[in-house]
Amino acid sequence: MMLSFFDQFMSPTYMGIPLIALAIALPWTLYPTPSSRWLNNRVITLQGWFINRFTQQLLLPLNQGGHKWALILSSLMVFLITINMLGLLPYTFTPTTQLSLNMGLAVPLWLATVIIGMRNQPTHALGHLLPEGTPVLLIPVLIIIETISLFIRPLALGVRLTANLTAGHLLIQLIATAAFVLLPLMPTVAILTATILFLLTLLEVAVAMIQAYVFVLLLSLYLQENV
């Protein structure tokens, strides 16, 4: 049976049961659990250092009210990085290539930032819809444009993460298929193609981490506007 390149993005099922929930829950079991000892091993120390540095960098432009989001944003960052990195392994499924999952993460968190802004400072939050000094004739048009741009934000978050990971996986599969086909015909070209595949894989590792960081960073910027 001929398989499409896009079959790798289909949610796996077992006896009719979707396994995406297992793919989402499994990464949490891989994290080492901190102990109550004064001295920890290198993995736990490195994990704590990374989370602390990331949290400090992320919350630097936020005021004291935004620091309540530290646990949510840090957990989301580690969760997305882990899922994206595990998805680069052979014969694995990447849940973040599903737009439904990414929108399920983006919409509630974006909506929470909007609700916080409307509740704490409604005048300031609504002021983003109309820049200061706007001519009277342009006021209705700008309000509509700014409202549309506000509601596009969660869509942009989800589509950006989905598109970047999907494109990377497709490129890896295409180049890997080309190297496999060219190996018996033109070994030299196949070796060159395999080298390109190795470099592309390194690039995808960076993309997996960067896209997770960008997702959380944009959420923190939306939060900064509303706290």
Protein backbone atom coordinates (compact mmCIF):
# COMPACT_ATOMS: atom_id res chain seq x y z
CA MET A 1 0.00 0.00 0.00
CA MET A 2 1.37 3.39 -0.99
CA LEU A 3 1.69 5.83 1.88
CA SER A 4 1.55 9.58 1.62
CA PHE A 5 4.20 11.83 3.11
CA PHE A 6 1.45 13.36 5.24
CA ASP A 7 0.53 10.04 6.85
CA GLN A 8 3.18 10.68 9.51
CA PHE A 9 1.01 13.52 10.86
CA MET A 10 -2.05 11.33 11.39
CA SER A 11 -2.89 10.72 15.04
CA PRO A 12 -2.04 7.07 15.82
CA THR A 13 -4.84 4.83 17.04
CA TYR A 14 -4.94 1.45 18.74
CA MET A 15 -8.18 -0.51 18.53
CA GLY A 16 -9.93 2.68 17.50
CA ILE A 17 -8.59 4.62 20.52
CA PRO A 18 -6.54 7.77 19.71
CA LEU A 19 -3.10 7.60 21.28
CA ILE A 20 -2.45 11.36 21.19
CA ALA A 21 -3.29 11.53 24.91
CA LEU A 22 -0.53 9.00 25.62
CA ALA A 23 1.89 10.94 23.40
CA ILE A 24 1.11 14.09 25.40
CA ALA A 25 1.32 12.47 28.84
CA LEU A 26 4.42 10.33 28.26
CA PRO A 27 7.04 13.16 28.24
CA TRP A 28 6.16 14.13 31.81
CA THR A 29 7.46 10.76 33.01
CA LEU A 30 10.92 11.48 31.58
CA TYR A 31 11.71 14.44 33.84
CA PRO A 32 13.87 13.71 36.89
CA THR A 33 12.14 14.47 40.18
CA PRO A 34 13.99 16.88 42.50
CA SER A 35 14.84 15.43 45.89
CA SER A 36 15.07 16.99 49.34
CA ARG A 37 18.83 16.42 49.51
CA TRP A 38 21.23 19.32 49.64
CA LEU A 39 23.28 17.88 46.78
CA ASN A 40 21.54 16.67 43.61
CA ASN A 41 22.92 14.91 40.57
CA ARG A 42 24.04 16.76 37.47
CA VAL A 43 20.78 16.22 35.53
CA ILE A 44 18.58 17.73 38.23
CA THR A 45 21.04 20.59 38.76
CA LEU A 46 21.10 21.35 35.01
CA GLN A 47 17.32 21.13 34.82
CA GLY A 48 16.89 23.55 37.74
CA TRP A 49 19.45 25.98 36.31
CA PHE A 50 17.76 25.99 32.89
CA ILE A 51 14.27 26.57 34.31
CA ASN A 52 15.49 29.33 36.64
CA ARG A 53 17.36 31.17 33.89
CA PHE A 54 14.45 30.88 31.48
CA THR A 55 11.95 32.08 34.07
CA GLN A 56 14.09 35.08 34.98
CA GLN A 57 14.54 36.04 31.33
CA LEU A 58 10.84 35.59 30.55
CA LEU A 59 9.49 37.54 33.52
CA LEU A 60 12.02 40.37 33.29
CA PRO A 61 9.70 42.82 31.43
CA LEU A 62 6.63 41.85 33.48
CA ASN A 63 5.50 43.58 36.66
CA GLN A 64 4.74 41.80 39.92
CA GLY A 65 1.25 40.79 38.81
CA GLY A 66 2.60 38.90 35.81
CA HIS A 67 4.93 36.80 37.96
CA LYS A 68 1.96 34.62 38.92
CA TRP A 69 2.24 33.12 35.43
CA ALA A 70 5.79 31.87 36.03
CA LEU A 71 4.77 28.27 36.71
CA ILE A 72 2.39 28.06 33.74
CA LEU A 73 4.81 29.58 31.22
CA SER A 74 7.83 27.60 32.42
CA SER A 75 5.89 24.32 32.41
CA LEU A 76 4.54 25.05 28.94
CA MET A 77 8.03 25.83 27.65
CA VAL A 78 9.52 22.57 28.97
CA PHE A 79 6.49 20.61 27.75
CA LEU A 80 6.68 21.97 24.20
CA ILE A 81 10.45 21.51 23.94
CA THR A 82 10.18 17.90 25.10
CA ILE A 83 7.35 17.01 22.71
CA ASN A 84 9.09 18.72 19.77
CA MET A 85 12.40 16.99 20.48
CA LEU A 86 10.85 13.54 20.96
CA GLY A 87 9.01 14.00 17.67
CA LEU A 88 12.36 14.03 15.84
CA LEU A 89 13.05 10.44 16.85
CA PRO A 90 12.27 7.74 14.26
CA TYR A 91 8.84 6.09 14.37
CA THR A 92 7.42 8.66 16.77
CA PHE A 93 4.43 10.96 16.62
CA THR A 94 4.66 14.71 17.22
CA PRO A 95 1.43 16.01 18.82
CA THR A 96 2.41 19.63 18.13
CA THR A 97 2.04 19.05 14.38
CA GLN A 98 -1.72 18.92 15.05
CA LEU A 99 -3.33 22.34 14.69
CA SER A 100 -6.13 21.30 17.05
CA LEU A 101 -3.68 20.73 19.91
CA ASN A 102 -1.80 23.97 19.31
CA MET A 103 -5.03 25.95 19.12
CA GLY A 104 -6.17 24.21 22.30
CA LEU A 105 -3.06 25.59 24.01
CA ALA A 106 -3.07 29.03 22.38
CA VAL A 107 -6.74 30.06 22.64
CA PRO A 108 -7.29 29.55 26.41
CA LEU A 109 -4.01 31.19 27.38
CA TRP A 110 -4.54 34.14 25.01
CA LEU A 111 -8.12 34.51 26.26
CA ALA A 112 -6.88 34.50 29.85
CA THR A 113 -4.53 37.42 29.11
CA VAL A 114 -7.39 39.36 27.48
CA ILE A 115 -9.74 38.71 30.40
CA ILE A 116 -7.07 39.81 32.89
CA GLY A 117 -6.62 43.06 30.97
CA MET A 118 -10.36 43.72 30.77
CA ARG A 119 -10.79 43.02 34.48
CA ASN A 120 -7.79 44.91 35.88
CA GLN A 121 -7.49 47.88 33.51
CA PRO A 122 -10.36 47.96 30.97
CA THR A 123 -9.58 51.47 29.75
CA HIS A 124 -5.98 50.63 28.97
CA ALA A 125 -6.95 47.31 27.36
CA LEU A 126 -9.54 48.92 25.11
CA GLY A 127 -7.12 51.75 24.33
CA HIS A 128 -5.02 49.32 22.26
CA LEU A 129 -7.86 49.20 19.74
CA LEU A 130 -7.50 52.90 18.91
CA PRO A 131 -4.06 54.56 18.65
CA GLU A 132 -3.78 58.07 20.07
CA GLY A 133 -4.12 60.92 17.59
CA THR A 134 -6.15 58.95 15.04
CA PRO A 135 -8.19 61.12 12.62
CA VAL A 136 -11.93 60.97 13.21
CA LEU A 137 -12.67 59.46 9.78
CA LEU A 138 -10.28 56.58 10.38
CA ILE A 139 -11.55 55.66 13.85
CA PRO A 140 -14.14 53.02 12.75
CA VAL A 141 -11.72 51.43 10.29
CA LEU A 142 -8.85 51.25 12.80
CA ILE A 143 -11.08 49.80 15.50
CA ILE A 144 -12.14 47.02 13.12
CA ILE A 145 -8.55 46.37 12.02
CA GLU A 146 -7.19 46.28 15.57
CA THR A 147 -10.04 44.02 16.71
CA ILE A 148 -9.32 41.59 13.87
CA SER A 149 -5.60 41.64 14.68
CA LEU A 150 -6.43 40.92 18.33
CA PHE A 151 -8.50 37.85 17.47
CA ILE A 152 -5.89 36.62 14.95
CA ARG A 153 -3.24 36.32 17.68
CA PRO A 154 -4.17 32.82 18.92
CA LEU A 155 -4.55 31.63 15.33
CA ALA A 156 -1.06 32.95 14.53
CA LEU A 157 0.36 31.18 17.60
CA GLY A 158 -1.10 27.83 16.65
CA VAL A 159 -0.44 28.04 12.91
CA ARG A 160 3.18 29.19 13.40
CA LEU A 161 4.05 26.23 15.60
CA THR A 162 2.19 23.75 13.39
CA ALA A 163 3.60 25.04 10.09
CA ASN A 164 7.23 25.14 11.21
CA LEU A 165 7.24 21.65 12.66
CA THR A 166 5.25 20.17 9.77
CA ALA A 167 7.58 21.72 7.18
CA GLY A 168 10.65 20.43 8.99
CA HIS A 169 9.32 16.89 9.26
CA LEU A 170 8.35 16.88 5.58
CA LEU A 171 11.82 18.07 4.52
CA ILE A 172 13.50 15.39 6.63
CA GLN A 173 11.29 12.68 5.14
CA LEU A 174 11.79 13.90 1.57
CA ILE A 175 15.59 14.07 1.86
CA ALA A 176 15.74 10.72 3.70
CA THR A 177 13.66 9.11 0.94
CA ALA A 178 15.93 10.63 -1.71
CA ALA A 179 19.06 9.32 0.04
CA PHE A 180 17.54 5.83 0.34
CA VAL A 181 16.55 5.74 -3.35
CA LEU A 182 19.88 7.13 -4.60
CA LEU A 183 22.05 4.78 -2.53
CA PRO A 184 22.11 1.82 -5.00
CA LEU A 185 22.16 4.11 -8.06
CA MET A 186 24.58 6.91 -7.16
CA PRO A 187 26.34 6.24 -3.84
CA THR A 188 28.33 9.48 -3.91
CA VAL A 189 25.21 11.59 -4.34
CA ALA A 190 23.47 9.51 -1.67
CA ILE A 191 26.28 10.22 0.80
CA LEU A 192 26.06 13.94 -0.01
CA THR A 193 22.30 13.79 0.50
CA ALA A 194 22.76 12.00 3.83
CA THR A 195 25.14 14.76 4.92
CA ILE A 196 22.52 17.36 4.06
CA LEU A 197 19.99 15.28 6.01
CA PHE A 198 22.27 15.29 9.07
CA LEU A 199 22.67 19.07 8.91
CA LEU A 200 18.92 19.51 8.43
CA THR A 201 18.28 17.35 11.48
CA LEU A 202 20.53 19.59 13.56
CA LEU A 203 18.62 22.58 12.21
CA GLU A 204 15.31 20.95 13.16
CA VAL A 205 16.56 20.40 16.70
CA ALA A 206 17.18 24.14 16.91
CA VAL A 207 13.80 24.89 15.33
CA ALA A 208 12.06 22.61 17.85
CA MET A 209 13.54 24.57 20.75
CA ILE A 210 13.16 28.01 19.15
CA GLN A 211 9.49 27.50 18.23
CA ALA A 212 8.66 26.44 21.78
CA TYR A 213 10.44 29.53 23.09
CA VAL A 214 8.68 31.82 20.58
CA PHE A 215 5.28 30.38 21.53
CA VAL A 216 5.81 31.12 25.22
CA LEU A 217 7.54 34.46 24.55
CA LEU A 218 4.59 35.76 22.53
CA LEU A 219 2.22 34.69 25.29
CA SER A 220 4.32 36.65 27.79
CA LEU A 221 4.20 39.71 25.51
CA TYR A 222 0.42 39.46 25.32
CA LEU A 223 0.39 39.19 29.10
CA GLN A 224 2.65 42.23 29.41
CA GLU A 225 0.07 44.35 27.56
CA ASN A 226 -2.67 43.41 30.02
CA VAL A 227 -1.04 43.47 33.45
